[in-house]
Amino acid sequence: MLSSNSFDAERCQHVAEGLRRVGYHPAEAAGARSATWRVSPKPLTLPHGYVEWLQTLGRHLHAFNRALDDLYLDSVCGREPEWIARYLEQGKPESLVRYGRTRQVRRSCPTVIRPDVIPTPTGMLITELDAVPGGMGIIACLYEIYRALGFHLIADDVPLPGAFAAMVEAVAGAEAPRLAIVVSDESASYRSEMAYLAEKLTEYGISARAVAPEDLRYSDSSVAVEGASGEVEVDVVYRFFELFDLPNVANAELLMRLNARNRVAVVPPFRAFFEEKLAMGMLHHPVLAPRWEKGLGNAGFTFLKECFAPTWILDPAPVPPYAAIPGLTAGGAAVNSWDRLKDLGRRQREFVIKPSGFSERAWGSRGVIVGHDISTPEWNAALEQALASFVETPHVLQEFRTGRQFEGLFYDTAAGAMRTIPCRARLSPYFLATDEDIRLTAVMATLCPLDKKKIHGMPEAIIVPCAVEETDGTEL
């Protein structure tokens, strides 16, 4: 639906101009597809019940990471079944696995947590849990722009750069530490937004720079970056690259060595199992339920089981004929072989296949296959490929659930007017953790047209911050 609201159109132009600082490319006259994404004159408003749920979520996810760490280390030590550690280490270089077990970094957990949350008609569904999330600079910039337009946003009292600064100080164990945000070539599209975040951190007393790995300077006892008046030693490195990318990161072994010697702090830690989607499958495994209840408490375990997408590890090992894959059904029947998932009708294969984590295809929806969005032969081939790649790149199977509809408003440059379209949403709340606290700092919404099964940043998407509805009758 089109409208000619010039006030909204001017707001969209203002938002687009402000976003240039984080690498946004506004749409040209040729059409919106040339844009990085679409902008809206207003935030997405969420019901109070959604907001209360999001405010509760952070402590449960932080507890999940700590419980996962305990479970992994107990498996390594033989106090829990060995298959837990074996799965979490599958496809990882042995040197990285050994490093993640060392005394210097064990018990270290991610300090930035961002889940992908899909609001559905029956409740919230978490499909991803990211320890190295993009979008922090973008959402910080969006919050600044929309605040200036007079909107009151979720967690507006906890600016993301301020919470990030507090996290860095906690990691450094000192006030006003020096920070390097290291962005690899694989993550180069995020450099502008991370440079923006570094600039904002200076307002909170953090000397910060966003640099490429080759910009770091090493000595036997320190890491430094080039400053205005020479080299400046760094207290904390924020690792903005996935661990599969380590072979392409210049001098990564030097950074790890100095981190192990406590010469520089590095977050997130070099512990690859925190980047694994298959950990979500372990939460649903009935054999591990007592352990999760112990680590999360009964309420936390119930909370996460209700919102973590049902997930299964695509291990090609045969299942005994008298057993079944826990919780997995196809066409209403229990499944005891992955072959049972082949040749299903379109409505029966409402599943998603994803690389589990340690892969260049495990981010940005690159490796995501939606079963009912492809033909039967394509589905069969995708399932076979995922099983065949288990040794190098484990995959997971997740249940697909359709998100509830929202209304998306954006400026259509081709039509020269505002357009309203029905969308589905992905909510991305950003949580920052210290030893004492975990705080919700911002919520980003990515709204995609209904014909898109994968909800992620794309030219057709609308990306906005989130606010609370003034009146609300919706509860979870």
Protein backbone atom coordinates (compact mmCIF):
# COMPACT_ATOMS: atom_id res chain seq x y z
CA MET A 1 0.00 0.00 0.00
CA LEU A 2 1.40 3.40 -1.03
CA SER A 3 1.01 6.80 0.64
CA SER A 4 2.46 10.24 -0.02
CA ASN A 5 3.31 11.24 3.56
CA SER A 6 6.12 13.77 2.99
CA PHE A 7 6.94 13.98 6.72
CA ASP A 8 7.66 10.25 6.88
CA ALA A 9 9.67 10.47 3.65
CA GLU A 10 11.82 13.23 5.12
CA ARG A 11 12.39 11.15 8.24
CA CYS A 12 13.53 8.22 6.09
CA GLN A 13 15.99 10.47 4.30
CA HIS A 14 17.30 11.70 7.67
CA VAL A 15 17.73 8.11 8.91
CA ALA A 16 19.51 7.06 5.70
CA GLU A 17 21.90 10.00 5.88
CA GLY A 18 22.73 9.22 9.51
CA LEU A 19 23.42 5.58 8.69
CA ARG A 20 26.13 6.44 6.17
CA ARG A 21 28.50 6.49 9.16
CA VAL A 22 28.11 2.71 9.54
CA GLY A 23 28.45 1.83 5.86
CA TYR A 24 24.81 2.07 4.82
CA HIS A 25 24.20 2.66 1.10
CA PRO A 26 20.92 4.52 0.53
CA ALA A 27 18.72 3.50 -2.38
CA GLU A 28 19.31 5.37 -5.61
CA ALA A 29 16.60 6.52 -7.98
CA ALA A 30 16.82 3.20 -9.84
CA GLY A 31 15.12 1.42 -6.96
CA ALA A 32 15.39 0.11 -3.41
CA ARG A 33 17.28 -3.06 -4.43
CA SER A 34 20.48 -0.96 -4.70
CA ALA A 35 20.28 -0.19 -0.96
CA THR A 36 21.98 -2.13 1.83
CA TRP A 37 18.52 -2.37 3.42
CA ARG A 38 15.37 -0.26 3.69
CA VAL A 39 14.79 2.36 6.37
CA SER A 40 11.59 3.31 8.17
CA PRO A 41 10.41 6.59 9.70
CA LYS A 42 9.59 4.87 13.00
CA PRO A 43 10.76 1.98 15.19
CA LEU A 44 8.97 -1.35 15.43
CA THR A 45 6.71 -1.29 18.48
CA LEU A 46 6.53 -4.49 20.51
CA PRO A 47 3.89 -5.55 23.06
CA HIS A 48 4.80 -5.23 26.74
CA GLY A 49 4.75 -9.01 27.09
CA TYR A 50 7.45 -9.32 24.42
CA VAL A 51 9.60 -6.66 26.07
CA GLU A 52 9.33 -8.27 29.51
CA TRP A 53 10.34 -11.59 27.97
CA LEU A 54 13.37 -10.01 26.29
CA GLN A 55 14.43 -8.36 29.54
CA THR A 56 14.32 -11.75 31.25
CA LEU A 57 16.10 -13.59 28.44
CA GLY A 58 19.64 -12.30 29.04
CA ARG A 59 20.23 -13.93 32.40
CA HIS A 60 18.98 -17.27 31.08
CA LEU A 61 21.32 -17.15 28.08
CA HIS A 62 24.26 -16.14 30.27
CA ALA A 63 23.46 -19.06 32.58
CA PHE A 64 23.21 -21.34 29.54
CA ASN A 65 26.73 -20.42 28.41
CA ARG A 66 28.11 -21.10 31.88
CA ALA A 67 26.23 -24.40 32.14
CA LEU A 68 27.47 -25.39 28.67
CA ASP A 69 31.04 -24.62 29.74
CA ASP A 70 30.65 -26.80 32.84
CA LEU A 71 29.09 -29.61 30.82
CA TYR A 72 31.86 -29.50 28.22
CA LEU A 73 34.69 -29.52 30.76
CA ASP A 74 33.07 -32.32 32.75
CA SER A 75 32.82 -34.33 29.55
CA VAL A 76 36.50 -33.68 28.84
CA CYS A 77 37.38 -34.88 32.36
CA GLY A 78 35.18 -37.99 32.15
CA ARG A 79 32.53 -36.86 34.63
CA GLU A 80 29.95 -36.72 31.82
CA PRO A 81 29.63 -38.81 28.63
CA GLU A 82 32.56 -38.34 26.24
CA TRP A 83 30.27 -37.80 23.24
CA ILE A 84 29.39 -34.31 24.50
CA ALA A 85 32.95 -33.00 24.12
CA ARG A 86 33.44 -35.05 20.95
CA TYR A 87 30.48 -33.37 19.28
CA LEU A 88 31.48 -29.89 20.44
CA GLU A 89 35.04 -30.43 19.16
CA GLN A 90 34.03 -32.06 15.86
CA GLY A 91 35.80 -30.49 12.90
CA LYS A 92 37.95 -28.13 15.01
CA PRO A 93 41.78 -27.98 14.75
CA GLU A 94 43.39 -29.90 17.60
CA SER A 95 45.53 -26.89 18.55
CA LEU A 96 42.43 -24.72 19.02
CA VAL A 97 40.71 -27.42 21.06
CA ARG A 98 43.74 -27.72 23.35
CA TYR A 99 43.94 -23.95 23.76
CA GLY A 100 40.27 -23.74 24.75
CA ARG A 101 40.89 -26.27 27.54
CA THR A 102 43.86 -24.46 29.10
CA ARG A 103 43.69 -23.07 32.62
CA GLN A 104 44.18 -19.49 31.38
CA VAL A 105 40.98 -19.38 29.32
CA ARG A 106 38.76 -22.14 30.74
CA ARG A 107 35.68 -20.77 32.47
CA SER A 108 35.82 -17.74 30.15
CA CYS A 109 32.44 -17.15 28.50
CA PRO A 110 31.22 -14.72 25.82
CA THR A 111 30.62 -11.20 27.09
CA VAL A 112 28.38 -10.19 24.18
CA ILE A 113 25.33 -12.38 23.58
CA ARG A 114 22.91 -11.90 20.70
CA PRO A 115 20.23 -14.47 19.94
CA ASP A 116 18.11 -14.48 16.80
CA VAL A 117 14.51 -14.44 18.02
CA ILE A 118 11.50 -15.12 15.80
CA PRO A 119 8.14 -13.99 17.26
CA THR A 120 5.60 -16.68 16.29
CA PRO A 121 1.86 -16.91 16.92
CA THR A 122 2.57 -19.34 19.78
CA GLY A 123 5.56 -17.61 21.41
CA MET A 124 9.18 -16.64 20.91
CA LEU A 125 11.57 -18.97 19.06
CA ILE A 126 15.38 -18.70 19.31
CA THR A 127 17.11 -20.09 16.23
CA GLU A 128 20.69 -18.85 16.77
CA LEU A 129 22.92 -17.79 19.66
CA ASP A 130 25.79 -15.63 18.46
CA ALA A 131 28.96 -14.93 20.45
CA VAL A 132 30.51 -12.71 17.73
CA PRO A 133 27.50 -10.74 16.52
CA GLY A 134 27.48 -8.09 13.84
CA GLY A 135 25.19 -5.11 14.05
CA MET A 136 26.45 -3.49 17.26
CA GLY A 137 27.58 -0.35 15.49
CA ILE A 138 24.45 -0.30 13.35
CA ILE A 139 22.03 -0.58 16.26
CA ALA A 140 24.01 1.97 18.32
CA CYS A 141 23.73 4.37 15.38
CA LEU A 142 20.03 3.61 14.88
CA TYR A 143 19.34 4.28 18.56
CA GLU A 144 21.13 7.63 18.33
CA ILE A 145 19.15 8.63 15.23
CA TYR A 146 15.72 7.57 16.47
CA ARG A 147 16.31 9.07 19.93
CA ALA A 148 17.02 12.39 18.21
CA LEU A 149 13.69 11.99 16.39
CA GLY A 150 11.96 11.80 19.78
CA PHE A 151 11.30 8.06 20.09
CA HIS A 152 11.68 6.17 23.37
CA LEU A 153 13.33 2.84 22.64
CA ILE A 154 13.69 -0.45 24.55
CA ALA A 155 16.61 -0.33 27.03
CA ASP A 156 17.12 3.34 26.16
CA ASP A 157 18.56 3.95 29.62
CA VAL A 158 21.50 1.59 28.91
CA PRO A 159 23.26 2.86 25.73
CA LEU A 160 25.05 -0.01 24.03
CA PRO A 161 28.41 1.83 23.80
CA GLY A 162 28.25 2.60 27.54
CA ALA A 163 27.49 -1.02 28.43
CA PHE A 164 30.23 -2.18 26.06
CA ALA A 165 32.67 0.19 27.78
CA ALA A 166 31.70 -1.24 31.18
CA MET A 167 32.26 -4.76 29.83
CA VAL A 168 35.72 -3.83 28.51
CA GLU A 169 36.68 -2.27 31.85
CA ALA A 170 35.54 -5.42 33.67
CA VAL A 171 37.61 -7.61 31.34
CA ALA A 172 40.66 -5.36 31.73
CA GLY A 173 40.22 -5.08 35.50
CA ALA A 174 40.96 -1.36 35.24
CA GLU A 175 39.34 1.92 34.32
CA ALA A 176 39.92 3.58 30.94
CA PRO A 177 41.64 0.60 29.27
CA ARG A 178 42.97 0.71 25.71
CA LEU A 179 40.96 -1.40 23.26
CA ALA A 180 41.56 -2.75 19.77
CA ILE A 181 38.54 -4.07 17.85
CA VAL A 182 40.14 -6.48 15.39
CA VAL A 183 38.08 -7.02 12.22
CA SER A 184 39.27 -9.73 9.82
CA ASP A 185 39.01 -9.61 6.02
CA GLU A 186 36.20 -12.20 6.20
CA SER A 187 34.26 -9.67 8.30
CA ALA A 188 35.36 -6.62 6.28
CA SER A 189 31.78 -5.54 5.53
CA TYR A 190 31.42 -4.74 9.26
CA ARG A 191 34.45 -2.44 9.52
CA SER A 192 32.52 0.82 9.17
CA GLU A 193 30.09 -0.04 11.96
CA MET A 194 32.88 -1.27 14.26
CA ALA A 195 34.81 1.95 13.61
CA TYR A 196 31.66 3.85 14.62
CA LEU A 197 31.41 1.79 17.82
CA ALA A 198 35.08 2.50 18.59
CA GLU A 199 34.45 6.22 18.13
CA LYS A 200 31.48 6.13 20.51
CA LEU A 201 33.48 4.24 23.15
CA THR A 202 35.82 7.22 23.51
CA GLU A 203 32.87 9.14 24.99
CA TYR A 204 32.98 6.66 27.89
CA GLY A 205 36.70 6.94 28.55
CA ILE A 206 37.80 3.96 26.44
CA SER A 207 40.67 4.56 24.02
CA ALA A 208 39.43 2.39 21.15
CA ARG A 209 40.35 1.71 17.54
CA ALA A 210 38.91 -0.66 14.93
CA VAL A 211 41.82 -2.26 13.09
CA ALA A 212 42.70 -5.09 10.73
CA PRO A 213 44.72 -8.01 12.17
CA GLU A 214 47.86 -6.87 10.35
CA ASP A 215 47.64 -3.48 12.10
CA LEU A 216 48.53 -5.06 15.46
CA ARG A 217 52.16 -4.80 16.54
CA TYR A 218 53.65 -7.52 18.74
CA SER A 219 56.52 -7.75 21.16
CA ASP A 220 57.44 -10.52 23.58
CA SER A 221 55.21 -8.97 26.24
CA SER A 222 52.57 -6.79 24.59
CA VAL A 223 50.22 -5.98 21.74
CA ALA A 224 50.11 -2.45 20.36
CA VAL A 225 48.46 -0.35 17.66
CA GLU A 226 49.76 2.71 15.87
CA GLY A 227 48.47 5.90 17.49
CA ALA A 228 48.79 9.58 16.62
CA SER A 229 52.08 9.81 18.49
CA GLY A 230 53.49 6.33 18.01
CA GLU A 231 52.64 2.81 19.12
CA VAL A 232 50.15 2.43 21.98
CA GLU A 233 49.91 -0.79 23.99
CA VAL A 234 46.52 -2.48 24.07
CA ASP A 235 44.89 -3.86 27.22
CA VAL A 236 41.95 -5.63 25.55
CA VAL A 237 41.35 -7.07 22.09
CA TYR A 238 37.76 -7.52 20.97
CA ARG A 239 37.88 -10.42 18.52
CA PHE A 240 35.51 -9.59 15.69
CA PHE A 241 36.19 -12.70 13.66
CA GLU A 242 34.93 -16.26 13.85
CA LEU A 243 37.37 -18.96 14.89
CA PHE A 244 37.08 -20.84 11.59
CA ASP A 245 38.83 -17.77 10.15
CA LEU A 246 41.94 -18.11 12.35
CA PRO A 247 44.23 -19.41 9.56
CA ASN A 248 43.54 -16.18 7.63
CA VAL A 249 44.13 -13.85 10.59
CA ALA A 250 47.66 -12.43 10.56
CA ASN A 251 49.72 -13.40 13.63
CA ALA A 252 46.77 -15.03 15.38
CA GLU A 253 49.12 -17.44 17.16
CA LEU A 254 51.02 -14.50 18.69
CA LEU A 255 47.79 -12.99 19.97
CA MET A 256 46.75 -16.33 21.49
CA ARG A 257 50.16 -16.78 23.11
CA LEU A 258 50.08 -13.34 24.74
CA ASN A 259 46.49 -13.91 25.82
CA ALA A 260 47.53 -17.19 27.48
CA ARG A 261 50.32 -15.32 29.32
CA ASN A 262 47.84 -12.67 30.55
CA ARG A 263 49.63 -9.93 28.60
CA VAL A 264 46.42 -8.95 26.80
CA ALA A 265 42.80 -9.86 27.41
CA VAL A 266 40.80 -11.19 24.46
CA VAL A 267 37.00 -11.35 24.18
CA PRO A 268 35.20 -13.42 23.12
CA PRO A 269 37.56 -16.17 24.32
CA PHE A 270 39.26 -18.55 21.89
CA ARG A 271 36.80 -21.33 22.70
CA ALA A 272 35.10 -22.65 19.59
CA PHE A 273 32.27 -24.60 21.23
CA PHE A 274 30.50 -21.34 22.08
CA GLU A 275 29.96 -20.85 18.33
CA GLU A 276 28.13 -24.18 17.96
CA LYS A 277 24.43 -24.40 17.13
CA LEU A 278 24.47 -28.07 18.11
CA ALA A 279 24.64 -26.98 21.76
CA MET A 280 20.96 -26.05 21.32
CA GLY A 281 20.30 -29.65 20.36
CA MET A 282 21.99 -30.82 23.55
CA LEU A 283 19.59 -28.73 25.61
CA HIS A 284 16.71 -30.75 24.15
CA HIS A 285 18.38 -34.15 24.66
CA PRO A 286 16.39 -36.04 27.33
CA VAL A 287 19.49 -37.86 28.66
CA LEU A 288 21.04 -34.50 29.61
CA ALA A 289 17.90 -33.02 31.21
CA PRO A 290 19.03 -33.62 34.83
CA ARG A 291 22.33 -31.92 34.12
CA TRP A 292 20.67 -28.88 32.54
CA GLU A 293 18.23 -28.62 35.43
CA LYS A 294 21.17 -28.59 37.82
CA GLY A 295 23.04 -25.91 35.85
CA LEU A 296 20.10 -23.70 34.92
CA GLY A 297 17.62 -24.38 37.67
CA ASN A 298 14.22 -25.81 36.89
CA ALA A 299 12.75 -22.45 35.86
CA GLY A 300 15.68 -21.57 33.58
CA PHE A 301 15.70 -25.00 31.97
CA THR A 302 11.95 -24.82 31.29
CA PHE A 303 12.27 -21.26 29.94
CA LEU A 304 14.99 -22.17 27.42
CA LYS A 305 13.42 -25.47 26.36
CA GLU A 306 10.27 -23.55 25.45
CA CYS A 307 12.07 -21.00 23.27
CA PHE A 308 15.13 -22.80 21.82
CA ALA A 309 14.17 -24.16 18.41
CA PRO A 310 13.97 -27.97 18.48
CA THR A 311 17.39 -28.96 17.13
CA TRP A 312 19.03 -32.27 16.16
CA ILE A 313 22.66 -33.04 15.29
CA LEU A 314 22.98 -34.56 11.81
CA ASP A 315 25.31 -37.40 12.76
CA PRO A 316 25.35 -40.12 10.06
CA ALA A 317 26.08 -42.87 12.62
CA PRO A 318 23.32 -45.53 12.47
CA VAL A 319 20.64 -45.52 15.15
CA PRO A 320 19.93 -48.96 16.71
CA PRO A 321 16.69 -50.43 15.26
CA TYR A 322 14.98 -50.38 18.68
CA ALA A 323 15.85 -46.69 19.28
CA ALA A 324 14.62 -43.40 17.85
CA ILE A 325 16.04 -39.90 17.46
CA PRO A 326 14.66 -38.06 20.53
CA GLY A 327 11.71 -35.82 19.76
CA LEU A 328 11.99 -36.02 15.96
CA THR A 329 8.96 -37.03 13.92
CA ALA A 330 8.22 -37.00 10.20
CA GLY A 331 4.68 -37.30 8.94
CA GLY A 332 3.57 -37.99 12.49
CA ALA A 333 5.88 -41.01 12.89
CA ALA A 334 9.01 -41.37 15.02
CA VAL A 335 12.34 -41.25 13.15
CA ASN A 336 15.16 -43.76 13.69
CA SER A 337 17.06 -43.08 10.45
CA TRP A 338 17.78 -39.86 8.58
CA ASP A 339 16.58 -41.65 5.45
CA ARG A 340 13.06 -41.32 6.85
CA LEU A 341 13.35 -37.57 6.12
CA LYS A 342 13.88 -38.16 2.40
CA ASP A 343 11.10 -37.90 -0.16
CA LEU A 344 8.80 -36.16 2.29
CA GLY A 345 6.03 -33.95 0.96
CA ARG A 346 6.58 -30.21 1.08
CA ARG A 347 4.40 -29.72 4.17
CA GLN A 348 6.12 -32.61 5.96
CA ARG A 349 9.63 -31.21 5.51
CA GLU A 350 9.21 -27.95 7.39
CA PHE A 351 12.78 -28.20 8.63
CA VAL A 352 15.92 -26.12 8.29
CA ILE A 353 19.45 -27.49 7.73
CA LYS A 354 22.36 -25.32 8.91
CA PRO A 355 26.14 -25.66 9.31
CA SER A 356 26.60 -25.83 13.05
CA GLY A 357 29.16 -23.10 13.58
CA PHE A 358 32.78 -23.68 12.58
CA SER A 359 32.37 -22.80 8.91
CA GLU A 360 32.47 -19.82 6.58
CA ARG A 361 28.91 -20.81 5.59
CA ALA A 362 27.61 -20.70 9.18
CA TRP A 363 26.84 -16.98 9.30
CA GLY A 364 24.74 -14.56 7.26
CA SER A 365 22.29 -17.33 6.28
CA ARG A 366 24.84 -18.55 3.72
CA GLY A 367 24.44 -22.25 4.45
CA VAL A 368 20.79 -22.29 5.53
CA ILE A 369 18.49 -24.68 3.63
CA VAL A 370 14.73 -24.38 4.18
CA GLY A 371 13.15 -27.74 3.39
CA HIS A 372 9.75 -26.61 2.14
CA ASP A 373 11.32 -23.85 0.02
CA ILE A 374 13.07 -26.29 -2.36
CA SER A 375 12.15 -29.32 -4.46
CA THR A 376 12.20 -32.88 -3.14
CA PRO A 377 15.39 -33.83 -5.07
CA GLU A 378 17.10 -30.66 -3.78
CA TRP A 379 16.04 -31.48 -0.21
CA ASN A 380 17.31 -35.05 -0.48
CA ALA A 381 20.64 -33.80 -1.85
CA ALA A 382 20.98 -31.17 0.90
CA LEU A 383 20.34 -33.77 3.59
CA GLU A 384 22.88 -36.18 2.07
CA GLN A 385 25.47 -33.40 1.76
CA ALA A 386 25.00 -32.34 5.39
CA LEU A 387 25.45 -35.92 6.62
CA ALA A 388 28.47 -36.49 4.38
CA SER A 389 30.24 -33.36 5.73
CA PHE A 390 29.83 -34.37 9.40
CA VAL A 391 33.55 -35.02 10.02
CA GLU A 392 34.68 -31.58 8.78
CA THR A 393 31.53 -29.48 9.26
CA PRO A 394 28.72 -30.85 11.43
CA HIS A 395 25.24 -29.64 10.52
CA VAL A 396 22.05 -29.36 12.54
CA LEU A 397 18.41 -29.88 11.69
CA GLN A 398 15.93 -27.42 13.17
CA GLU A 399 12.17 -27.32 13.19
CA PHE A 400 10.81 -24.45 11.08
CA ARG A 401 8.06 -22.32 12.57
CA THR A 402 6.39 -19.47 10.72
CA GLY A 403 6.74 -16.06 12.36
CA ARG A 404 3.79 -13.84 13.13
CA GLN A 405 3.07 -10.94 10.80
CA PHE A 406 4.07 -7.33 11.37
CA GLU A 407 3.51 -4.22 9.30
CA GLY A 408 6.62 -2.73 7.67
CA LEU A 409 6.73 0.92 6.59
CA PHE A 410 9.49 2.23 4.28
CA TYR A 411 10.17 4.80 1.57
CA ASP A 412 9.93 3.29 -1.92
CA THR A 413 12.34 5.34 -4.03
CA ALA A 414 11.07 3.88 -7.31
CA ALA A 415 7.49 4.96 -6.54
CA GLY A 416 8.52 8.15 -4.73
CA ALA A 417 6.15 7.33 -1.87
CA MET A 418 5.85 5.55 1.45
CA ARG A 419 4.91 1.87 1.24
CA THR A 420 3.40 -0.45 3.84
CA ILE A 421 3.94 -4.19 3.41
CA PRO A 422 3.23 -7.28 5.54
CA CYS A 423 6.45 -8.73 6.98
CA ARG A 424 7.87 -11.31 9.32
CA ALA A 425 10.42 -10.23 11.90
CA ARG A 426 13.66 -11.34 13.45
CA LEU A 427 14.44 -9.64 16.75
CA SER A 428 18.09 -9.26 17.73
CA PRO A 429 18.51 -8.24 21.38
CA TYR A 430 22.07 -7.33 22.40
CA PHE A 431 23.16 -8.36 25.90
CA LEU A 432 26.44 -7.21 27.50
CA ALA A 433 27.82 -9.23 30.41
CA THR A 434 30.21 -8.46 33.24
CA ASP A 435 31.01 -10.60 36.29
CA GLU A 436 28.23 -8.92 38.24
CA ASP A 437 25.53 -8.33 35.67
CA ILE A 438 24.10 -8.91 32.20
CA ARG A 439 22.22 -6.05 30.59
CA LEU A 440 19.87 -5.69 27.65
CA THR A 441 21.24 -2.72 25.73
CA ALA A 442 19.29 -2.61 22.44
CA VAL A 443 16.86 -4.55 20.28
CA MET A 444 17.11 -4.54 16.49
CA ALA A 445 14.29 -5.75 14.24
CA THR A 446 14.85 -7.11 10.74
CA LEU A 447 11.57 -7.15 8.81
CA CYS A 448 11.39 -9.17 5.59
CA PRO A 449 8.53 -9.58 3.06
CA LEU A 450 6.35 -12.65 3.54
CA ASP A 451 7.80 -14.44 0.50
CA LYS A 452 11.24 -14.62 2.18
CA LYS A 453 11.67 -17.79 4.22
CA LYS A 454 15.07 -16.64 5.56
CA ILE A 455 14.87 -13.48 7.64
CA HIS A 456 18.18 -11.58 7.49
CA GLY A 457 19.73 -8.36 6.27
CA MET A 458 19.00 -7.93 2.54
CA PRO A 459 18.00 -5.09 0.20
CA GLU A 460 14.32 -5.99 0.68
CA ALA A 461 14.57 -5.97 4.48
CA ILE A 462 13.62 -3.08 6.77
CA ILE A 463 15.97 -2.67 9.74
CA VAL A 464 14.83 -0.59 12.71
CA PRO A 465 15.25 -0.33 16.48
CA CYS A 466 12.39 -1.45 18.74
CA ALA A 467 10.12 0.47 21.09
CA VAL A 468 7.32 -0.53 23.47
CA GLU A 469 3.68 -0.24 22.47
CA GLU A 470 1.88 2.41 24.49
CA THR A 471 -1.16 0.18 24.93
CA ASP A 472 -1.00 -3.57 24.86
CA GLY A 473 -3.16 -6.60 25.27
CA THR A 474 -0.66 -9.12 23.96
CA GLU A 475 1.02 -11.57 26.30
CA LEU A 476 3.32 -14.47 25.55
